[in-house]
Amino acid sequence: MGVSGDEEGARHGPSLTPGGSSKAHKNIEDILLKRAAQVSDNSFGVTYIGRGGSGNFIKMVQNGIEYGDM
C-alpha cells in the first residue's frame, strides 16, 4: 500500500492507496478509513487502486513527479 502525507499525514492521517485483491481490501477497509486523512468534503484519503502492487506503483510515480519538481 502506498502511504503519503509527510508531516501533515503524521498529524492528520495519511493518504492511502491500497492494492491487492478487492476481497482483502474489503476486509480491512474500515481500519483504513479510521487511519486515513479526512478531506474537507467529508470523504477519506483512501482509494483502492487495484490488484497486485498497484498501490505501491502509484506511490512510486507520485514520488517521481514530486522529486522531479524539486
PDB file of N, CA and C in Angstrom:
ATOM      1  N   MET A   1       0.850  -1.171   0.000  1.00  0.00           N
ATOM      2  CA  MET A   1       0.000   0.000   0.000  1.00  0.00           C
ATOM      3  C   MET A   1       0.895   1.232   0.000  1.00  0.00           C
ATOM      4  N   GLY A   2       0.595   2.162  -0.868  1.00  0.00           N
ATOM      5  CA  GLY A   2       1.280   3.436  -0.855  1.00  0.00           C
ATOM      6  C   GLY A   2       0.735   4.302   0.265  1.00  0.00           C
ATOM      7  N   VAL A   3       1.637   4.983   0.966  1.00  0.00           N
ATOM      8  CA  VAL A   3       1.259   5.870   2.071  1.00  0.00           C
ATOM      9  C   VAL A   3       1.925   7.211   1.811  1.00  0.00           C
ATOM     10  N   SER A   4       1.146   8.288   1.853  1.00  0.00           N
ATOM     11  CA  SER A   4       1.682   9.612   1.560  1.00  0.00           C
ATOM     12  C   SER A   4       1.118  10.601   2.569  1.00  0.00           C
ATOM     13  N   GLY A   5       1.887  11.624   2.867  1.00  0.00           N
ATOM     14  CA  GLY A   5       1.337  12.635   3.743  1.00  0.00           C
ATOM     15  C   GLY A   5       2.340  13.499   4.468  1.00  0.00           C
ATOM     16  N   ASP A   6       3.609  13.097   4.527  1.00  0.00           N
ATOM     17  CA  ASP A   6       4.641  13.877   5.202  1.00  0.00           C
ATOM     18  C   ASP A   6       4.215  14.245   6.623  1.00  0.00           C
ATOM     19  N   GLU A   7       4.583  15.438   7.091  1.00  0.00           N
ATOM     20  CA  GLU A   7       4.266  15.825   8.472  1.00  0.00           C
ATOM     21  C   GLU A   7       2.760  16.044   8.679  1.00  0.00           C
ATOM     22  N   GLU A   8       2.062  16.498   7.656  1.00  0.00           N
ATOM     23  CA  GLU A   8       0.606  16.663   7.773  1.00  0.00           C
ATOM     24  C   GLU A   8      -0.079  15.305   7.911  1.00  0.00           C
ATOM     25  N   GLY A   9       0.425  14.327   7.207  1.00  0.00           N
ATOM     26  CA  GLY A   9      -0.116  12.981   7.317  1.00  0.00           C
ATOM     27  C   GLY A   9       0.113  12.386   8.695  1.00  0.00           C
ATOM     28  N   ALA A  10       1.254  12.713   9.292  1.00  0.00           N
ATOM     29  CA  ALA A  10       1.542  12.225  10.640  1.00  0.00           C
ATOM     30  C   ALA A  10       0.596  12.841  11.655  1.00  0.00           C
ATOM     31  N   ARG A  11       0.176  14.065  11.424  1.00  0.00           N
ATOM     32  CA  ARG A  11      -0.710  14.757  12.359  1.00  0.00           C
ATOM     33  C   ARG A  11      -2.192  14.475  12.118  1.00  0.00           C
ATOM     34  N   HIS A  12      -2.568  14.401  10.839  1.00  0.00           N
ATOM     35  CA  HIS A  12      -3.998  14.365  10.499  1.00  0.00           C
ATOM     36  C   HIS A  12      -4.419  13.122   9.731  1.00  0.00           C
ATOM     37  N   GLY A  13      -3.507  12.203   9.509  1.00  0.00           N
ATOM     38  CA  GLY A  13      -3.816  10.989   8.763  1.00  0.00           C
ATOM     39  C   GLY A  13      -3.255  11.056   7.357  1.00  0.00           C
ATOM     40  N   PRO A  14      -2.734   9.941   6.872  1.00  0.00           N
ATOM     41  CA  PRO A  14      -2.123   9.917   5.546  1.00  0.00           C
ATOM     42  C   PRO A  14      -3.143   9.664   4.439  1.00  0.00           C
ATOM     43  N   SER A  15      -2.683   9.814   3.223  1.00  0.00           N
ATOM     44  CA  SER A  15      -3.423   9.373   2.052  1.00  0.00           C
ATOM     45  C   SER A  15      -2.965   7.947   1.766  1.00  0.00           C
ATOM     46  N   LEU A  16      -3.896   7.037   1.600  1.00  0.00           N
ATOM     47  CA  LEU A  16      -3.577   5.617   1.439  1.00  0.00           C
ATOM     48  C   LEU A  16      -4.055   5.120   0.082  1.00  0.00           C
ATOM     49  N   THR A  17      -3.198   4.361  -0.608  1.00  0.00           N
ATOM     50  CA  THR A  17      -3.562   3.781  -1.894  1.00  0.00           C
ATOM     51  C   THR A  17      -3.313   2.274  -1.848  1.00  0.00           C
ATOM     52  N   PRO A  18      -4.247   1.528  -1.246  1.00  0.00           N
ATOM     53  CA  PRO A  18      -4.065   0.081  -1.157  1.00  0.00           C
ATOM     54  C   PRO A  18      -4.274  -0.600  -2.504  1.00  0.00           C
ATOM     55  N   GLY A  19      -3.510  -1.658  -2.717  1.00  0.00           N
ATOM     56  CA  GLY A  19      -3.692  -2.528  -3.870  1.00  0.00           C
ATOM     57  C   GLY A  19      -3.998  -3.923  -3.372  1.00  0.00           C
ATOM     58  N   GLY A  20      -3.939  -4.897  -4.242  1.00  0.00           N
ATOM     59  CA  GLY A  20      -4.207  -6.278  -3.863  1.00  0.00           C
ATOM     60  C   GLY A  20      -5.608  -6.692  -4.264  1.00  0.00           C
ATOM     61  N   SER A  21      -6.049  -7.796  -3.732  1.00  0.00           N
ATOM     62  CA  SER A  21      -7.373  -8.287  -4.106  1.00  0.00           C
ATOM     63  C   SER A  21      -8.463  -7.402  -3.496  1.00  0.00           C
ATOM     64  N   SER A  22      -9.556  -7.268  -4.211  1.00  0.00           N
ATOM     65  CA  SER A  22     -10.658  -6.453  -3.696  1.00  0.00           C
ATOM     66  C   SER A  22     -11.273  -7.102  -2.458  1.00  0.00           C
ATOM     67  N   LYS A  23     -11.235  -8.429  -2.377  1.00  0.00           N
ATOM     68  CA  LYS A  23     -11.757  -9.122  -1.196  1.00  0.00           C
ATOM     69  C   LYS A  23     -10.935  -8.768   0.042  1.00  0.00           C
ATOM     70  N   ALA A  24      -9.609  -8.776  -0.086  1.00  0.00           N
ATOM     71  CA  ALA A  24      -8.752  -8.399   1.041  1.00  0.00           C
ATOM     72  C   ALA A  24      -8.986  -6.946   1.429  1.00  0.00           C
ATOM     73  N   HIS A  25      -9.151  -6.091   0.428  1.00  0.00           N
ATOM     74  CA  HIS A  25      -9.399  -4.674   0.713  1.00  0.00           C
ATOM     75  C   HIS A  25     -10.688  -4.492   1.503  1.00  0.00           C
ATOM     76  N   LYS A  26     -11.725  -5.197   1.137  1.00  0.00           N
ATOM     77  CA  LYS A  26     -12.995  -5.092   1.872  1.00  0.00           C
ATOM     78  C   LYS A  26     -12.834  -5.516   3.330  1.00  0.00           C
ATOM     79  N   ASN A  27     -11.943  -6.483   3.595  1.00  0.00           N
ATOM     80  CA  ASN A  27     -11.729  -6.962   4.961  1.00  0.00           C
ATOM     81  C   ASN A  27     -11.057  -5.917   5.851  1.00  0.00           C
ATOM     82  N   ILE A  28     -10.262  -5.024   5.267  1.00  0.00           N
ATOM     83  CA  ILE A  28      -9.533  -4.032   6.078  1.00  0.00           C
ATOM     84  C   ILE A  28      -9.983  -2.601   5.815  1.00  0.00           C
ATOM     85  N   GLU A  29     -10.993  -2.425   4.991  1.00  0.00           N
ATOM     86  CA  GLU A  29     -11.426  -1.071   4.617  1.00  0.00           C
ATOM     87  C   GLU A  29     -11.787  -0.217   5.827  1.00  0.00           C
ATOM     88  N   ASP A  30     -12.488  -0.767   6.807  1.00  0.00           N
ATOM     89  CA  ASP A  30     -12.868   0.006   7.999  1.00  0.00           C
ATOM     90  C   ASP A  30     -11.638   0.507   8.754  1.00  0.00           C
ATOM     91  N   ILE A  31     -10.607  -0.325   8.846  1.00  0.00           N
ATOM     92  CA  ILE A  31      -9.369   0.075   9.529  1.00  0.00           C
ATOM     93  C   ILE A  31      -8.707   1.215   8.777  1.00  0.00           C
ATOM     94  N   LEU A  32      -8.635   1.100   7.450  1.00  0.00           N
ATOM     95  CA  LEU A  32      -8.001   2.144   6.643  1.00  0.00           C
ATOM     96  C   LEU A  32      -8.747   3.470   6.763  1.00  0.00           C
ATOM     97  N   LEU A  33     -10.064   3.423   6.751  1.00  0.00           N
ATOM     98  CA  LEU A  33     -10.858   4.656   6.855  1.00  0.00           C
ATOM     99  C   LEU A  33     -10.648   5.348   8.196  1.00  0.00           C
ATOM    100  N   LYS A  34     -10.443   4.582   9.253  1.00  0.00           N
ATOM    101  CA  LYS A  34     -10.203   5.180  10.572  1.00  0.00           C
ATOM    102  C   LYS A  34      -8.833   5.831  10.669  1.00  0.00           C
ATOM    103  N   ARG A  35      -7.871   5.373   9.881  1.00  0.00           N
ATOM    104  CA  ARG A  35      -6.495   5.874   9.954  1.00  0.00           C
ATOM    105  C   ARG A  35      -6.194   6.972   8.943  1.00  0.00           C
ATOM    106  N   ALA A  36      -6.928   7.010   7.855  1.00  0.00           N
ATOM    107  CA  ALA A  36      -6.627   7.923   6.749  1.00  0.00           C
ATOM    108  C   ALA A  36      -7.080   9.344   7.042  1.00  0.00           C
ATOM    109  N   ALA A  37      -6.542  10.261   6.257  1.00  0.00           N
ATOM    110  CA  ALA A  37      -6.948  11.663   6.335  1.00  0.00           C
ATOM    111  C   ALA A  37      -8.414  11.796   5.963  1.00  0.00           C
ATOM    112  N   GLN A  38      -9.096  12.716   6.620  1.00  0.00           N
ATOM    113  CA  GLN A  38     -10.461  13.048   6.244  1.00  0.00           C
ATOM    114  C   GLN A  38     -10.406  14.376   5.506  1.00  0.00           C
ATOM    115  N   VAL A  39     -10.982  14.404   4.331  1.00  0.00           N
ATOM    116  CA  VAL A  39     -10.944  15.570   3.462  1.00  0.00           C
ATOM    117  C   VAL A  39     -12.096  16.500   3.818  1.00  0.00           C
ATOM    118  N   SER A  40     -11.987  17.759   3.448  1.00  0.00           N
ATOM    119  CA  SER A  40     -12.975  18.765   3.843  1.00  0.00           C
ATOM    120  C   SER A  40     -14.397  18.445   3.389  1.00  0.00           C
ATOM    121  N   ASP A  41     -14.573  17.670   2.330  1.00  0.00           N
ATOM    122  CA  ASP A  41     -15.927  17.318   1.887  1.00  0.00           C
ATOM    123  C   ASP A  41     -16.438  16.042   2.561  1.00  0.00           C
ATOM    124  N   ASN A  42     -15.816  15.681   3.691  1.00  0.00           N
ATOM    125  CA  ASN A  42     -16.170  14.507   4.498  1.00  0.00           C
ATOM    126  C   ASN A  42     -15.884  13.172   3.814  1.00  0.00           C
ATOM    127  N   SER A  43     -15.055  13.179   2.772  1.00  0.00           N
ATOM    128  CA  SER A  43     -14.587  11.923   2.195  1.00  0.00           C
ATOM    129  C   SER A  43     -13.250  11.580   2.849  1.00  0.00           C
ATOM    130  N   PHE A  44     -12.716  10.430   2.537  1.00  0.00           N
ATOM    131  CA  PHE A  44     -11.479   9.980   3.169  1.00  0.00           C
ATOM    132  C   PHE A  44     -10.373   9.817   2.138  1.00  0.00           C
ATOM    133  N   GLY A  45      -9.140   9.908   2.617  1.00  0.00           N
ATOM    134  CA  GLY A  45      -7.971   9.787   1.756  1.00  0.00           C
ATOM    135  C   GLY A  45      -7.583   8.343   1.522  1.00  0.00           C
ATOM    136  N   VAL A  46      -8.539   7.524   1.102  1.00  0.00           N
ATOM    137  CA  VAL A  46      -8.276   6.123   0.769  1.00  0.00           C
ATOM    138  C   VAL A  46      -8.860   5.845  -0.604  1.00  0.00           C
ATOM    139  N   THR A  47      -8.033   5.309  -1.493  1.00  0.00           N
ATOM    140  CA  THR A  47      -8.512   4.918  -2.813  1.00  0.00           C
ATOM    141  C   THR A  47      -7.972   3.542  -3.135  1.00  0.00           C
ATOM    142  N   TYR A  48      -8.862   2.584  -3.326  1.00  0.00           N
ATOM    143  CA  TYR A  48      -8.444   1.251  -3.744  1.00  0.00           C
ATOM    144  C   TYR A  48      -7.975   1.354  -5.186  1.00  0.00           C
ATOM    145  N   ILE A  49      -6.729   0.935  -5.429  1.00  0.00           N
ATOM    146  CA  ILE A  49      -6.112   1.121  -6.738  1.00  0.00           C
ATOM    147  C   ILE A  49      -6.288  -0.087  -7.645  1.00  0.00           C
ATOM    148  N   GLY A  50      -6.151  -1.284  -7.108  1.00  0.00           N
ATOM    149  CA  GLY A  50      -6.308  -2.476  -7.949  1.00  0.00           C
ATOM    150  C   GLY A  50      -5.421  -3.613  -7.496  1.00  0.00           C
ATOM    151  N   ARG A  51      -5.348  -4.614  -8.317  1.00  0.00           N
ATOM    152  CA  ARG A  51      -4.640  -5.851  -7.991  1.00  0.00           C
ATOM    153  C   ARG A  51      -3.125  -5.654  -7.938  1.00  0.00           C
ATOM    154  N   GLY A  52      -2.470  -6.662  -7.367  1.00  0.00           N
ATOM    155  CA  GLY A  52      -1.007  -6.694  -7.344  1.00  0.00           C
ATOM    156  C   GLY A  52      -0.414  -5.558  -6.537  1.00  0.00           C
ATOM    157  N   GLY A  53       0.694  -5.058  -6.979  1.00  0.00           N
ATOM    158  CA  GLY A  53       1.385  -3.972  -6.290  1.00  0.00           C
ATOM    159  C   GLY A  53       1.033  -2.605  -6.824  1.00  0.00           C
ATOM    160  N   SER A  54      -0.158  -2.455  -7.347  1.00  0.00           N
ATOM    161  CA  SER A  54      -0.531  -1.200  -7.997  1.00  0.00           C
ATOM    162  C   SER A  54      -0.553  -0.011  -7.046  1.00  0.00           C
ATOM    163  N   GLY A  55      -0.879  -0.218  -5.779  1.00  0.00           N
ATOM    164  CA  GLY A  55      -0.856   0.889  -4.822  1.00  0.00           C
ATOM    165  C   GLY A  55       0.542   1.431  -4.620  1.00  0.00           C
ATOM    166  N   ASN A  56       1.520   0.522  -4.510  1.00  0.00           N
ATOM    167  CA  ASN A  56       2.914   0.945  -4.391  1.00  0.00           C
ATOM    168  C   ASN A  56       3.406   1.589  -5.680  1.00  0.00           C
ATOM    169  N   PHE A  57       2.963   1.096  -6.828  1.00  0.00           N
ATOM    170  CA  PHE A  57       3.359   1.675  -8.105  1.00  0.00           C
ATOM    171  C   PHE A  57       2.880   3.121  -8.213  1.00  0.00           C
ATOM    172  N   ILE A  58       1.641   3.380  -7.820  1.00  0.00           N
ATOM    173  CA  ILE A  58       1.097   4.745  -7.856  1.00  0.00           C
ATOM    174  C   ILE A  58       1.925   5.663  -6.963  1.00  0.00           C
ATOM    175  N   LYS A  59       2.308   5.186  -5.770  1.00  0.00           N
ATOM    176  CA  LYS A  59       3.130   5.993  -4.864  1.00  0.00           C
ATOM    177  C   LYS A  59       4.497   6.263  -5.483  1.00  0.00           C
ATOM    178  N   MET A  60       5.074   5.272  -6.169  1.00  0.00           N
ATOM    179  CA  MET A  60       6.369   5.453  -6.814  1.00  0.00           C
ATOM    180  C   MET A  60       6.284   6.527  -7.907  1.00  0.00           C
ATOM    181  N   VAL A  61       5.219   6.512  -8.692  1.00  0.00           N
ATOM    182  CA  VAL A  61       5.027   7.532  -9.728  1.00  0.00           C
ATOM    183  C   VAL A  61       4.865   8.910  -9.084  1.00  0.00           C
ATOM    184  N   GLN A  62       4.092   8.991  -7.999  1.00  0.00           N
ATOM    185  CA  GLN A  62       3.899  10.264  -7.298  1.00  0.00           C
ATOM    186  C   GLN A  62       5.229  10.793  -6.784  1.00  0.00           C
ATOM    187  N   ASN A  63       6.055   9.906  -6.223  1.00  0.00           N
ATOM    188  CA  ASN A  63       7.382  10.333  -5.738  1.00  0.00           C
ATOM    189  C   ASN A  63       8.243  10.845  -6.880  1.00  0.00           C
ATOM    190  N   GLY A  64       8.196  10.169  -8.024  1.00  0.00           N
ATOM    191  CA  GLY A  64       8.974  10.605  -9.181  1.00  0.00           C
ATOM    192  C   GLY A  64       8.571  12.006  -9.635  1.00  0.00           C
ATOM    193  N   ILE A  65       7.285  12.283  -9.632  1.00  0.00           N
ATOM    194  CA  ILE A  65       6.809  13.628 -10.002  1.00  0.00           C
ATOM    195  C   ILE A  65       7.251  14.652  -8.971  1.00  0.00           C
ATOM    196  N   GLU A  66       7.073  14.302  -7.696  1.00  0.00           N
ATOM    197  CA  GLU A  66       7.449  15.217  -6.614  1.00  0.00           C
ATOM    198  C   GLU A  66       8.936  15.539  -6.648  1.00  0.00           C
ATOM    199  N   TYR A  67       9.772  14.528  -6.780  1.00  0.00           N
ATOM    200  CA  TYR A  67      11.226  14.736  -6.804  1.00  0.00           C
ATOM    201  C   TYR A  67      11.660  15.452  -8.089  1.00  0.00           C
ATOM    202  N   GLY A  68      10.949  15.209  -9.186  1.00  0.00           N
ATOM    203  CA  GLY A  68      11.239  15.948 -10.413  1.00  0.00           C
ATOM    204  C   GLY A  68      10.964  17.425 -10.269  1.00  0.00           C
ATOM    205  N   ASP A  69       9.908  17.770  -9.502  1.00  0.00           N
ATOM    206  CA  ASP A  69       9.594  19.177  -9.248  1.00  0.00           C
ATOM    207  C   ASP A  69      10.654  19.865  -8.398  1.00  0.00           C
ATOM    208  N   MET A  70      11.274  19.079  -7.502  1.00  0.00           N
ATOM    209  CA  MET A  70      12.286  19.676  -6.626  1.00  0.00           C
ATOM    210  C   MET A  70      13.552  19.935  -7.407  1.00  0.00           C
TER     211      MET A  70
END
